[in-house]
N, C-alpha and C. Protein backbone atom coordinates (compact mmCIF):
# COMPACT_ATOMS: atom_id res chain seq x y z
N MET A 1 79.63 85.37 86.40
CA MET A 1 79.94 86.83 86.96
C MET A 1 80.53 87.57 86.05
N GLU A 2 79.92 89.14 86.06
CA GLU A 2 80.54 89.99 85.15
C GLU A 2 80.35 91.25 85.53
N MET A 3 82.28 91.83 84.91
CA MET A 3 81.76 93.57 85.49
C MET A 3 81.29 94.29 84.45
N ILE A 4 80.43 94.94 84.37
CA ILE A 4 79.97 95.98 83.20
C ILE A 4 79.70 97.37 84.41
N SER A 5 80.65 98.07 85.42
CA SER A 5 81.06 99.55 85.32
C SER A 5 81.87 99.25 86.23
N PRO A 6 82.94 100.90 86.69
CA PRO A 6 83.10 100.79 85.39
C PRO A 6 83.00 99.97 84.07
N CYS A 7 83.29 100.50 83.13
CA CYS A 7 82.86 99.51 81.94
C CYS A 7 84.92 98.39 81.62
N PRO A 8 84.86 97.25 81.81
CA PRO A 8 86.17 96.80 81.09
C PRO A 8 86.73 96.96 80.58
N ARG A 9 87.77 96.69 80.23
CA ARG A 9 88.71 96.72 78.36
C ARG A 9 87.66 95.06 77.57
N TYR A 10 87.79 96.31 76.37
CA TYR A 10 86.70 95.96 75.38
C TYR A 10 84.79 94.44 75.67
N SER A 11 85.14 94.79 76.17
CA SER A 11 82.64 94.65 76.99
C SER A 11 81.86 94.64 75.82
N PRO A 12 81.72 93.67 76.26
CA PRO A 12 80.06 93.70 74.46
C PRO A 12 78.90 94.17 75.36
N ARG A 13 78.82 94.17 76.95
CA ARG A 13 77.69 94.49 77.41
C ARG A 13 78.74 95.54 78.69
N GLY A 14 78.79 95.32 78.64
CA GLY A 14 79.60 97.40 79.75
C GLY A 14 78.43 98.05 79.54
N ILE A 15 77.93 99.16 80.43
CA ILE A 15 77.25 100.57 80.68
C ILE A 15 79.24 101.63 80.22
N ASN A 16 78.38 102.81 79.50
CA ASN A 16 79.25 103.47 79.13
C ASN A 16 80.79 103.82 78.29
N CYS A 17 80.71 102.37 77.65
CA CYS A 17 82.05 102.32 77.71
C CYS A 17 82.30 103.21 75.67
N PRO A 18 83.79 103.21 76.61
CA PRO A 18 84.42 103.70 75.35
C PRO A 18 84.92 102.99 73.88
N LYS A 19 85.40 103.71 72.75
CA LYS A 19 85.36 103.21 71.51
C LYS A 19 86.56 102.54 71.81
N LEU A 20 86.71 101.05 70.89
CA LEU A 20 87.75 99.55 71.12
C LEU A 20 88.44 100.87 70.79
N PRO A 21 90.39 100.31 71.32
CA PRO A 21 90.72 100.85 70.73
C PRO A 21 90.80 100.31 69.59
N PRO A 22 91.82 100.82 68.36
CA PRO A 22 92.31 100.10 66.44
C PRO A 22 92.66 99.06 66.83
N GLY A 23 92.24 97.97 65.77
CA GLY A 23 92.90 95.90 65.84
C GLY A 23 91.71 95.77 67.09
N GLU A 24 91.33 95.89 67.87
CA GLU A 24 90.34 95.32 68.93
C GLU A 24 89.35 94.55 68.87
N GLN A 25 89.11 93.72 69.52
CA GLN A 25 87.89 93.43 69.66
C GLN A 25 87.10 92.39 70.70
N LEU A 26 85.25 92.81 69.72
CA LEU A 26 84.85 93.00 71.90
C LEU A 26 84.77 91.13 71.54
N ASP A 27 85.09 91.51 73.80
CA ASP A 27 85.49 90.09 73.96
C ASP A 27 84.40 89.87 74.76
N TYR A 28 83.48 88.13 74.46
CA TYR A 28 81.89 87.93 74.87
C TYR A 28 82.89 86.58 76.33
N SER A 29 84.20 86.48 76.64
CA SER A 29 84.11 85.53 77.11
C SER A 29 84.72 86.66 78.85
N LEU A 30 84.07 87.94 79.04
CA LEU A 30 84.31 88.63 80.10
C LEU A 30 83.47 87.84 81.84
N SER A 31 82.76 86.75 81.49
CA SER A 31 82.81 86.06 82.87
C SER A 31 82.76 85.14 82.97
N SER A 32 84.02 84.24 82.50
CA SER A 32 85.07 83.20 82.29
C SER A 32 86.30 83.79 83.28
N PRO A 33 86.65 82.47 84.37
CA PRO A 33 87.92 83.02 84.84
C PRO A 33 89.14 82.60 84.24
N LEU A 34 90.27 83.26 84.54
CA LEU A 34 91.54 83.76 83.73
C LEU A 34 92.08 82.79 83.30
N ALA A 35 92.33 82.20 82.10
CA ALA A 35 92.65 80.66 81.90
C ALA A 35 94.87 81.02 81.94
N ASN A 36 95.55 79.88 81.88
CA ASN A 36 97.02 80.18 82.25
C ASN A 36 97.42 80.71 81.32
N ASN A 37 97.46 80.42 79.46
CA ASN A 37 97.97 81.42 78.92
C ASN A 37 97.24 82.64 78.54
N GLN A 38 96.78 83.57 79.40
CA GLN A 38 95.72 84.51 79.80
C GLN A 38 96.85 85.78 80.17
N GLU A 39 96.38 87.12 79.90
CA GLU A 39 97.28 87.73 80.06
C GLU A 39 96.66 88.10 82.03
N LEU A 40 96.66 89.13 82.33
CA LEU A 40 96.61 89.59 83.57
C LEU A 40 95.38 90.09 83.37
N CYS A 41 93.75 89.80 83.51
CA CYS A 41 92.61 90.25 83.02
C CYS A 41 92.66 90.14 81.44
N LYS A 42 93.37 89.77 80.96
CA LYS A 42 92.49 89.85 79.40
C LYS A 42 93.85 90.53 78.71
N HIS A 43 93.21 91.15 79.20
CA HIS A 43 93.47 92.77 77.65
C HIS A 43 94.17 93.41 78.73
N ASN A 44 95.19 93.93 77.78
CA ASN A 44 96.54 95.10 79.15
C ASN A 44 96.39 96.83 78.42
N LYS A 45 96.09 96.74 77.07
CA LYS A 45 96.36 98.30 76.32
C LYS A 45 94.99 98.32 76.44
N PRO A 46 95.12 99.81 77.39
CA PRO A 46 93.69 100.79 77.44
C PRO A 46 93.62 100.71 76.98
N TRP A 47 91.46 100.43 76.57
CA TRP A 47 90.73 102.43 76.21
C TRP A 47 91.90 103.37 75.94
N PRO A 48 91.20 104.00 74.56
CA PRO A 48 91.38 105.40 74.16
C PRO A 48 91.02 106.81 75.23
N THR A 49 90.16 106.51 76.11
CA THR A 49 88.91 107.57 76.42
C THR A 49 89.11 106.90 77.87
N PRO A 50 88.88 107.26 79.77
CA PRO A 50 88.48 106.53 80.26
C PRO A 50 86.89 105.91 80.38
N ALA A 51 86.86 104.73 80.81
CA ALA A 51 85.85 104.30 81.21
C ALA A 51 84.56 105.12 82.28
N ALA A 52 85.52 105.63 83.21
CA ALA A 52 85.12 106.93 84.41
C ALA A 52 85.90 108.55 84.43
N THR A 53 85.89 108.81 85.67
CA THR A 53 86.20 109.44 86.68
C THR A 53 86.25 109.76 87.24
N TRP A 54 86.68 109.31 87.90
CA TRP A 54 86.48 109.40 90.31
C TRP A 54 87.44 110.49 91.37
N THR A 55 86.93 110.24 91.26
CA THR A 55 87.25 111.40 92.70
C THR A 55 88.21 110.66 94.16
N ALA A 56 89.20 111.52 94.08
CA ALA A 56 89.85 110.59 95.91
C ALA A 56 88.83 111.30 96.35
N GLY A 57 88.76 109.92 97.38
CA GLY A 57 87.42 110.71 99.04
C GLY A 57 86.60 110.64 98.71
N GLN A 58 86.08 110.24 97.69
CA GLN A 58 84.94 110.15 97.73
C GLN A 58 83.59 108.85 96.80
N GLN A 59 82.82 108.11 97.25
CA GLN A 59 81.85 106.88 97.23
C GLN A 59 81.50 106.87 95.74
N VAL A 60 82.58 105.34 94.86
CA VAL A 60 82.60 105.14 93.61
C VAL A 60 81.66 103.98 93.34
N SER A 61 81.12 103.26 92.62
CA SER A 61 80.20 102.47 92.38
C SER A 61 81.01 100.42 91.54
N VAL A 62 81.14 99.68 92.02
CA VAL A 62 81.82 98.64 90.49
C VAL A 62 79.87 98.12 90.55
N LYS A 63 79.47 97.87 89.11
CA LYS A 63 78.49 96.78 89.13
C LYS A 63 78.66 96.03 88.34
N PHE A 64 78.45 94.42 89.01
CA PHE A 64 78.66 94.35 87.95
C PHE A 64 77.21 93.48 86.91
N ALA A 65 76.83 92.32 86.17
CA ALA A 65 75.38 91.56 85.65
C ALA A 65 74.93 90.98 86.88
N PRO A 66 73.49 91.58 86.13
CA PRO A 66 72.34 90.53 87.42
C PRO A 66 72.17 89.98 87.01
N GLY A 67 72.78 88.47 87.50
CA GLY A 67 72.35 87.26 87.59
C GLY A 67 73.77 86.49 87.17
N GLY A 68 74.00 85.01 86.68
CA GLY A 68 75.56 85.52 86.54
C GLY A 68 76.48 84.23 87.89
N ALA A 69 76.90 83.30 88.37
CA ALA A 69 77.32 82.48 89.48
C ALA A 69 78.29 82.92 89.72
N PRO A 70 77.19 83.08 91.38
CA PRO A 70 77.87 83.71 92.42
C PRO A 70 79.16 82.92 93.05
N HIS A 71 79.04 81.73 92.88
CA HIS A 71 79.62 80.41 92.98
C HIS A 71 79.89 80.38 94.89
N GLY A 72 78.78 81.25 95.51
CA GLY A 72 79.61 80.48 96.69
C GLY A 72 80.40 82.48 97.20
N GLY A 73 80.58 83.71 96.36
CA GLY A 73 80.75 84.90 96.89
C GLY A 73 82.70 84.02 97.00
N GLY A 74 82.94 84.76 98.12
CA GLY A 74 84.97 84.44 98.47
C GLY A 74 84.74 85.49 98.65
N HIS A 75 86.59 85.80 97.67
CA HIS A 75 86.83 87.01 97.88
C HIS A 75 88.14 87.43 96.92
N CYS A 76 87.37 89.26 97.14
CA CYS A 76 87.27 90.26 95.60
C CYS A 76 88.23 92.01 95.92
N GLN A 77 88.87 92.50 95.88
CA GLN A 77 89.47 93.07 95.79
C GLN A 77 89.67 94.37 94.98
N PHE A 78 89.53 95.31 95.20
CA PHE A 78 89.74 96.61 94.10
C PHE A 78 91.13 97.41 93.88
N SER A 79 91.12 97.61 93.10
CA SER A 79 92.69 98.05 93.09
C SER A 79 93.40 99.26 91.75
N PHE A 80 94.74 99.55 92.46
CA PHE A 80 94.55 100.77 91.04
C PHE A 80 95.86 100.81 90.87
N SER A 81 96.70 100.94 89.30
CA SER A 81 98.00 101.30 88.90
C SER A 81 98.35 101.79 88.50
N TYR A 82 99.37 102.69 88.90
CA TYR A 82 99.85 103.77 87.61
C TYR A 82 101.39 104.16 87.35
N ASP A 83 101.75 102.57 87.03
CA ASP A 83 102.46 102.11 85.93
C ASP A 83 102.11 101.30 84.63
N GLY A 84 100.83 101.32 83.97
CA GLY A 84 100.39 100.07 83.23
C GLY A 84 100.38 98.74 83.29
N GLY A 85 100.14 98.91 84.03
CA GLY A 85 99.91 97.34 84.83
C GLY A 85 100.73 97.15 85.72
N LYS A 86 102.45 96.78 86.36
CA LYS A 86 103.02 96.59 86.78
C LYS A 86 102.76 96.27 88.19
N LYS A 87 102.20 96.76 88.99
CA LYS A 87 102.10 97.08 90.25
C LYS A 87 100.80 98.45 90.76
N TYR A 88 99.71 96.93 91.44
CA TYR A 88 98.36 96.93 92.03
C TYR A 88 98.49 97.87 92.98
N VAL A 89 97.94 98.77 94.14
CA VAL A 89 97.79 98.78 95.12
C VAL A 89 96.51 98.98 95.40
N VAL A 90 95.87 98.36 96.93
CA VAL A 90 94.26 98.03 97.09
C VAL A 90 94.21 99.04 97.28
N VAL A 91 92.63 99.44 96.83
CA VAL A 91 91.81 100.85 97.66
C VAL A 91 90.82 100.17 98.51
N HIS A 92 90.50 98.81 98.55
CA HIS A 92 89.02 98.42 98.77
C HIS A 92 88.81 97.30 98.89
N GLU A 93 87.95 96.05 99.87
CA GLU A 93 88.09 95.02 99.25
C GLU A 93 87.25 93.72 100.06
N ILE A 94 86.52 92.77 99.91
CA ILE A 94 85.74 92.09 101.22
C ILE A 94 86.16 90.90 101.19
N MET A 95 86.38 90.22 101.41
CA MET A 95 86.97 88.97 102.58
C MET A 95 85.77 88.24 102.34
N GLY A 96 86.13 86.91 102.33
CA GLY A 96 85.09 85.41 102.61
C GLY A 96 82.85 85.56 101.37
N HIS A 97 82.37 87.50 101.75
CA HIS A 97 81.24 87.56 101.06
C HIS A 97 81.52 88.71 100.19
N CYS A 98 82.26 88.03 99.04
CA CYS A 98 82.00 89.03 97.44
C CYS A 98 81.12 89.71 97.21
N PHE A 99 79.74 89.17 97.30
CA PHE A 99 78.46 89.66 96.61
C PHE A 99 77.75 89.91 98.02
N GLY A 100 77.96 89.88 99.21
CA GLY A 100 77.45 90.05 99.89
C GLY A 100 76.60 88.33 100.97
N ALA A 101 76.29 88.48 102.20
CA ALA A 101 75.43 87.49 102.52
C ALA A 101 74.99 85.99 101.96
N ASP A 102 74.25 87.35 101.24
CA ASP A 102 73.19 85.80 99.87
C ASP A 102 73.05 85.92 99.31
N ASN A 103 74.47 86.79 99.06
CA ASN A 103 75.31 86.21 96.77
C ASN A 103 74.53 86.62 95.61
N ASN A 104 73.72 87.88 96.14
CA ASN A 104 72.68 88.64 95.18
C ASN A 104 73.51 91.05 95.13
N GLN A 105 74.23 91.25 96.06
CA GLN A 105 74.53 92.20 96.17
C GLN A 105 75.15 91.82 94.18
N ARG A 106 74.97 93.24 93.19
CA ARG A 106 76.08 93.07 91.82
C ARG A 106 76.21 94.29 92.10
N ASP A 107 75.99 95.82 92.80
CA ASP A 107 76.57 96.65 92.89
C ASP A 107 77.22 97.21 94.37
N ILE A 108 79.08 97.20 94.13
CA ILE A 108 79.80 97.53 95.01
C ILE A 108 79.93 98.85 95.17
N SER A 109 79.53 99.40 95.89
CA SER A 109 80.04 100.85 96.40
C SER A 109 81.53 101.08 97.58
N PHE A 110 82.14 101.66 97.32
CA PHE A 110 83.60 101.71 98.51
C PHE A 110 84.13 103.22 98.41
N THR A 111 84.30 103.84 99.44
CA THR A 111 84.99 105.38 99.32
C THR A 111 86.33 105.04 99.07
N LEU A 112 87.09 106.11 97.80
CA LEU A 112 88.30 105.88 97.93
C LEU A 112 88.76 107.18 98.77
N PRO A 113 90.57 106.41 98.92
CA PRO A 113 91.17 106.72 99.79
C PRO A 113 91.19 109.04 99.54
N ALA A 114 91.12 109.38 99.58
CA ALA A 114 91.74 110.53 100.14
C ALA A 114 92.78 111.44 99.51
N GLY A 115 93.79 110.32 99.84
CA GLY A 115 95.33 110.56 99.31
C GLY A 115 95.90 109.50 97.99
N LEU A 116 94.71 109.26 97.62
CA LEU A 116 95.03 109.18 96.41
C LEU A 116 95.03 109.81 95.03
N PRO A 117 96.93 109.29 94.64
CA PRO A 117 96.96 110.43 93.02
C PRO A 117 95.94 110.89 92.31
N GLY A 118 95.95 111.87 91.58
CA GLY A 118 95.75 111.71 90.40
C GLY A 118 95.70 110.84 89.45
N ALA A 119 95.17 111.11 88.27
CA ALA A 119 95.83 110.45 87.20
C ALA A 119 94.43 110.57 86.17
N LYS A 120 95.43 110.79 84.51
CA LYS A 120 94.56 111.01 83.35
C LYS A 120 93.52 109.37 82.99
N GLN A 121 94.74 108.18 83.38
CA GLN A 121 94.03 107.52 83.18
C GLN A 121 95.34 106.40 83.58
N ALA A 122 94.87 106.30 84.56
CA ALA A 122 94.91 105.06 86.30
C ALA A 122 94.60 103.39 85.79
N ASP A 123 94.51 102.43 85.71
CA ASP A 123 94.34 101.02 85.81
C ASP A 123 93.75 100.52 86.85
N PHE A 124 92.25 100.57 86.44
CA PHE A 124 91.79 100.20 88.06
C PHE A 124 91.04 97.94 87.96
N MET A 125 91.69 97.43 88.49
CA MET A 125 91.48 95.92 88.80
C MET A 125 90.93 95.45 89.65
N VAL A 126 90.04 94.88 89.51
CA VAL A 126 89.11 94.12 90.23
C VAL A 126 89.58 92.41 90.24
N THR A 127 89.90 92.10 91.37
CA THR A 127 90.31 90.82 91.34
C THR A 127 88.77 90.23 92.52
N TRP A 128 88.63 88.19 92.24
CA TRP A 128 87.58 88.53 92.57
C TRP A 128 88.02 85.77 93.21
N VAL A 129 88.53 85.03 94.20
CA VAL A 129 88.82 84.79 93.95
C VAL A 129 87.01 83.71 94.51
N ASN A 130 86.50 82.76 93.55
CA ASN A 130 85.60 81.64 94.48
C ASN A 130 85.65 81.07 95.48
N ALA A 131 84.69 81.45 95.58
CA ALA A 131 84.51 80.22 97.68
C ALA A 131 83.91 78.71 97.39
N ILE A 132 83.42 78.35 96.39
CA ILE A 132 82.37 77.33 96.24
C ILE A 132 83.17 76.85 94.47
N GLY A 133 83.98 75.71 93.71
CA GLY A 133 84.27 75.10 92.36
C GLY A 133 84.71 75.01 91.82
N ASN A 134 85.61 74.37 91.01
CA ASN A 134 86.91 75.06 89.99
C ASN A 134 87.72 75.66 91.42
N ARG A 135 88.59 75.72 92.27
CA ARG A 135 89.58 76.93 92.17
C ARG A 135 89.98 77.87 91.03
N GLU A 136 89.05 78.81 91.00
CA GLU A 136 89.48 80.04 89.66
C GLU A 136 90.27 81.13 90.46
N PHE A 137 90.49 81.85 89.77
CA PHE A 137 90.84 83.85 89.34
C PHE A 137 89.63 84.51 87.83
N TYR A 138 89.36 85.19 89.21
CA TYR A 138 88.38 86.35 87.85
C TYR A 138 88.89 87.26 88.05
N CYS A 139 89.90 87.82 87.44
CA CYS A 139 90.11 89.89 87.04
C CYS A 139 89.65 90.39 85.79
N TRP A 140 89.06 91.53 86.04
CA TRP A 140 88.45 92.73 85.08
C TRP A 140 89.91 94.23 85.71
N SER A 141 89.58 94.35 84.29
CA SER A 141 90.58 95.70 84.40
C SER A 141 89.80 96.74 83.67
N THR A 142 90.19 98.38 83.68
CA THR A 142 89.47 99.13 82.77
C THR A 142 90.32 100.31 82.75
N ASN A 143 90.48 101.79 82.91
CA ASN A 143 90.74 102.66 82.61
C ASN A 143 90.37 103.98 83.37
N VAL A 144 90.06 103.91 84.56
CA VAL A 144 89.83 106.13 84.93
C VAL A 144 90.16 106.48 85.16
N ALA A 145 90.08 107.92 85.20
CA ALA A 145 90.61 109.02 85.55
C ALA A 145 90.23 109.09 86.27
N ILE A 146 91.14 109.62 87.48
CA ILE A 146 90.92 110.81 88.88
C ILE A 146 91.81 112.08 89.53
N ASN A 147 90.92 112.41 89.78
CA ASN A 147 90.36 113.74 90.71
C ASN A 147 91.19 113.38 91.97
N GLY A 148 92.08 113.71 91.97
CA GLY A 148 92.78 113.40 92.95
C GLY A 148 94.66 114.56 93.69
N GLY A 149 95.48 113.36 94.18
CA GLY A 149 96.30 114.70 94.68
C GLY A 149 97.74 115.00 94.03
N SER A 150 99.07 114.92 94.32
CA SER A 150 100.17 114.17 93.29
C SER A 150 100.94 113.98 94.74
N THR A 151 100.91 112.86 95.38
CA THR A 151 101.83 112.66 96.80
C THR A 151 101.63 110.92 96.27
N PRO A 152 102.60 109.95 96.44
CA PRO A 152 102.52 109.05 95.37
C PRO A 152 101.18 108.14 97.33
N PHE A 153 101.22 107.12 97.28
CA PHE A 153 99.54 106.65 97.81
C PHE A 153 100.57 105.04 97.57
N THR A 154 100.22 105.01 99.62
CA THR A 154 101.41 103.02 99.88
C THR A 154 99.54 102.72 100.16
N GLY A 155 100.18 100.90 99.56
CA GLY A 155 99.44 100.27 100.30
C GLY A 155 99.25 99.14 100.50
N LYS A 156 98.52 97.97 100.49
CA LYS A 156 98.68 96.35 99.73
C LYS A 156 98.97 96.36 98.52
N GLU A 157 99.48 95.18 98.23
CA GLU A 157 99.42 94.54 97.50
C GLU A 157 98.71 93.81 96.40
N VAL A 158 98.02 94.07 95.54
CA VAL A 158 97.00 93.30 95.34
C VAL A 158 96.92 91.84 94.71
N THR A 159 96.53 90.97 95.23
CA THR A 159 96.32 89.24 96.04
C THR A 159 95.85 88.63 94.83
N ILE A 160 96.83 87.29 93.70
CA ILE A 160 96.37 86.73 93.00
C ILE A 160 96.23 85.17 93.52
N ALA A 161 95.93 84.83 93.41
CA ALA A 161 95.56 84.01 93.51
C ALA A 161 95.25 83.03 92.39
N ASN A 162 95.41 81.21 92.27
CA ASN A 162 94.61 80.31 91.83
C ASN A 162 94.44 80.65 90.52
N TRP A 163 96.14 81.51 89.50
CA TRP A 163 96.28 81.33 87.95
C TRP A 163 97.92 81.30 88.00
N ARG A 164 98.26 80.19 87.40
CA ARG A 164 99.84 80.42 86.54
C ARG A 164 100.21 80.04 88.22
N THR A 165 101.40 80.01 88.38
CA THR A 165 103.03 79.31 89.86
C THR A 165 101.36 80.29 90.81
N TYR A 166 101.47 81.38 90.63
CA TYR A 166 100.25 81.17 92.51
C TYR A 166 100.07 80.42 93.12
N PRO A 167 99.86 80.76 94.35
CA PRO A 167 99.42 79.81 95.33
C PRO A 167 98.02 79.58 95.18
N VAL A 168 97.59 78.37 95.58
CA VAL A 168 96.12 78.30 95.70
C VAL A 168 95.23 78.83 96.40
N ILE A 169 93.87 79.10 95.96
CA ILE A 169 93.41 78.84 97.62
C ILE A 169 92.29 77.95 97.68
N ALA A 170 91.80 77.16 98.24
CA ALA A 170 91.46 76.46 98.79
C ALA A 170 89.56 76.28 98.41
N GLU A 171 88.70 75.50 98.66
CA GLU A 171 87.60 75.43 97.80
C GLU A 171 86.87 75.58 99.76
N PHE A 172 86.20 77.18 100.14
CA PHE A 172 85.99 76.93 101.17
C PHE A 172 85.91 76.38 102.40
N GLN A 173 85.26 75.48 101.51
CA GLN A 173 84.08 74.34 102.93
C GLN A 173 83.53 75.15 103.47
N GLY A 174 82.81 76.32 103.80
CA GLY A 174 81.90 77.27 104.89
C GLY A 174 82.73 77.92 105.23
N ASN A 175 84.02 77.78 105.76
CA ASN A 175 85.02 78.84 106.12
C ASN A 175 86.01 79.76 105.32
N PHE A 176 84.87 80.74 105.48
CA PHE A 176 85.15 82.34 104.81
C PHE A 176 86.26 82.94 104.48
N ASN A 177 87.09 82.01 105.65
CA ASN A 177 88.14 82.99 106.05
C ASN A 177 89.09 82.50 105.89
N THR A 178 89.05 81.16 104.87
CA THR A 178 89.84 79.93 103.73
C THR A 178 90.63 81.17 103.23
N GLY A 179 91.69 81.29 103.43
CA GLY A 179 93.35 81.50 101.79
C GLY A 179 93.45 83.13 102.27
N VAL A 180 92.33 83.63 103.90
CA VAL A 180 92.66 85.53 103.84
C VAL A 180 94.23 85.75 104.78
N GLU A 181 94.60 84.27 104.66
CA GLU A 181 95.75 85.01 105.91
C GLU A 181 97.40 85.39 103.76
N HIS A 182 96.51 84.92 102.52
CA HIS A 182 97.53 85.70 101.60
C HIS A 182 97.23 86.54 101.21
N TYR A 183 96.00 87.13 101.44
CA TYR A 183 95.71 89.17 101.87
C TYR A 183 95.88 89.83 102.70
N LYS A 184 96.76 88.91 103.85
CA LYS A 184 97.02 90.24 105.11
C LYS A 184 97.99 89.60 105.20
N ASN A 185 98.93 88.92 104.46
CA ASN A 185 100.02 88.76 104.72
C ASN A 185 101.22 89.99 102.93
N ALA A 186 100.19 90.16 102.22
CA ALA A 186 100.57 91.23 101.36
C ALA A 186 101.96 92.22 101.57
N LYS A 187 102.70 92.05 100.49
CA LYS A 187 102.95 93.52 100.81
C LYS A 187 102.90 94.33 101.56
N THR A 188 103.23 95.46 101.91
CA THR A 188 103.02 97.07 101.33
C THR A 188 103.63 97.80 99.87
N ILE A 189 103.38 98.28 98.74
CA ILE A 189 104.16 99.05 98.34
C ILE A 189 103.38 100.07 98.36
N THR A 190 104.03 101.54 97.24
CA THR A 190 103.73 102.82 96.95
C THR A 190 103.42 103.29 95.30
N VAL A 191 102.00 103.29 94.97
CA VAL A 191 102.28 103.74 92.93
C VAL A 191 101.91 105.33 93.18
N GLY A 192 102.45 105.97 92.78
CA GLY A 192 101.84 107.14 92.15
C GLY A 192 103.08 107.93 91.82
């Protein structure tokens, strides 16, 4: 699977991608899971300009490339960081069936919280733990401008699993509640 919109950092296949930052190259491995020797979401240097402009309280869409290997679905989260990627707060999550019950959904829409703080360049991250196959962690990041308020936002911290020393969520074996406790027990954080 590969996110294509908003364009993830250094994507060769993304939609409406900004110009690459100086010294960076296109990354043709964005459909691969995160390796233990890679940074979270592979690239932390932001685009020179936002990949999208969103407004707090409005519906947004995240698109994935057609086809791909959905690995039976799994858990996915959509989160923002306002401190350069140190803390990510979740604004939407799908447990069990990230790509729909039939695993064919490639356009995921959700409404941003109305109280989301505004930012010229917030980090937006999509994470996915697959249901079937090797225990993997997929992660895409980009930066978006947000038209929003000026007060901090409180929510759940993003859940990271199947990477480095983080917890391992077992293969689902048909139980789509596998590992949900890691998401339910995430600590509450404030950003912005």
